[in-house]
């Protein structure tokens, strides 16, 4: 499973987890509910627009 690095930063720092395939990882700032480059359904578009307050 993928985890946001901010959620596992302590475990990485203390050696409880190690990064694998780091050079193949994409670095994306922030947390996303959806892939910003994909087609968005009208229902999801309504949720996104509602959350952008």
Protein backbone atom coordinates (compact mmCIF):
# COMPACT_ATOMS: atom_id res chain seq x y z
CA UNK A 1 0.00 0.00 0.00
CA UNK A 2 1.04 3.53 -0.64
CA UNK A 3 1.35 5.90 2.29
CA UNK A 4 1.85 9.62 2.32
CA UNK A 5 5.39 10.32 3.50
CA UNK A 6 4.13 12.80 6.08
CA UNK A 7 2.10 10.02 7.71
CA UNK A 8 5.13 7.75 8.13
CA UNK A 9 7.87 10.34 8.68
CA UNK A 10 8.54 9.24 12.27
CA UNK A 11 8.85 5.59 11.26
CA UNK A 12 11.23 6.51 8.43
CA UNK A 13 13.31 8.64 10.77
CA UNK A 14 13.58 5.89 13.40
CA UNK A 15 14.36 3.17 10.88
CA UNK A 16 11.10 1.26 11.37
CA UNK A 17 10.40 1.71 7.66
CA UNK A 18 12.69 2.05 4.68
CA UNK A 19 11.97 3.54 1.28
CA UNK A 20 12.14 1.19 -1.68
CA UNK A 21 12.16 2.13 -5.35
CA UNK A 22 12.55 5.76 -4.31
CA UNK A 23 13.95 6.85 -7.65
CA UNK A 24 10.73 5.66 -9.30
CA UNK A 25 8.46 7.49 -6.86
CA UNK A 26 6.65 10.64 -7.84
CA UNK A 27 6.72 13.52 -5.41
CA UNK A 28 3.36 15.24 -5.22
CA UNK A 29 2.82 18.00 -2.71
CA UNK A 30 -0.41 17.82 -0.75
CA UNK A 31 -3.09 15.19 -0.36
CA UNK A 32 -5.52 14.38 -3.14
CA UNK A 33 -8.94 12.75 -3.20
CA UNK A 34 -8.64 12.06 -6.93
CA UNK A 35 -6.09 12.15 -9.72
CA UNK A 36 -6.09 15.76 -10.94
CA UNK A 37 -5.27 14.77 -14.53
CA UNK A 38 -8.06 12.22 -14.98
CA UNK A 39 -11.57 12.77 -16.26
CA UNK A 40 -13.85 13.67 -13.40
CA UNK A 41 -17.46 12.47 -13.21
CA UNK A 42 -20.18 15.10 -12.72
CA UNK A 43 -20.87 13.75 -9.22
CA UNK A 44 -17.22 14.04 -8.19
CA UNK A 45 -17.02 17.48 -9.80
CA UNK A 46 -19.92 18.59 -7.55
CA UNK A 47 -18.12 17.30 -4.45
CA UNK A 48 -14.88 19.03 -5.46
CA UNK A 49 -16.64 22.31 -6.15
CA UNK A 50 -18.46 22.09 -2.81
CA UNK A 51 -15.23 21.47 -0.89
CA UNK A 52 -13.44 24.40 -2.55
CA UNK A 53 -14.75 27.01 -0.18
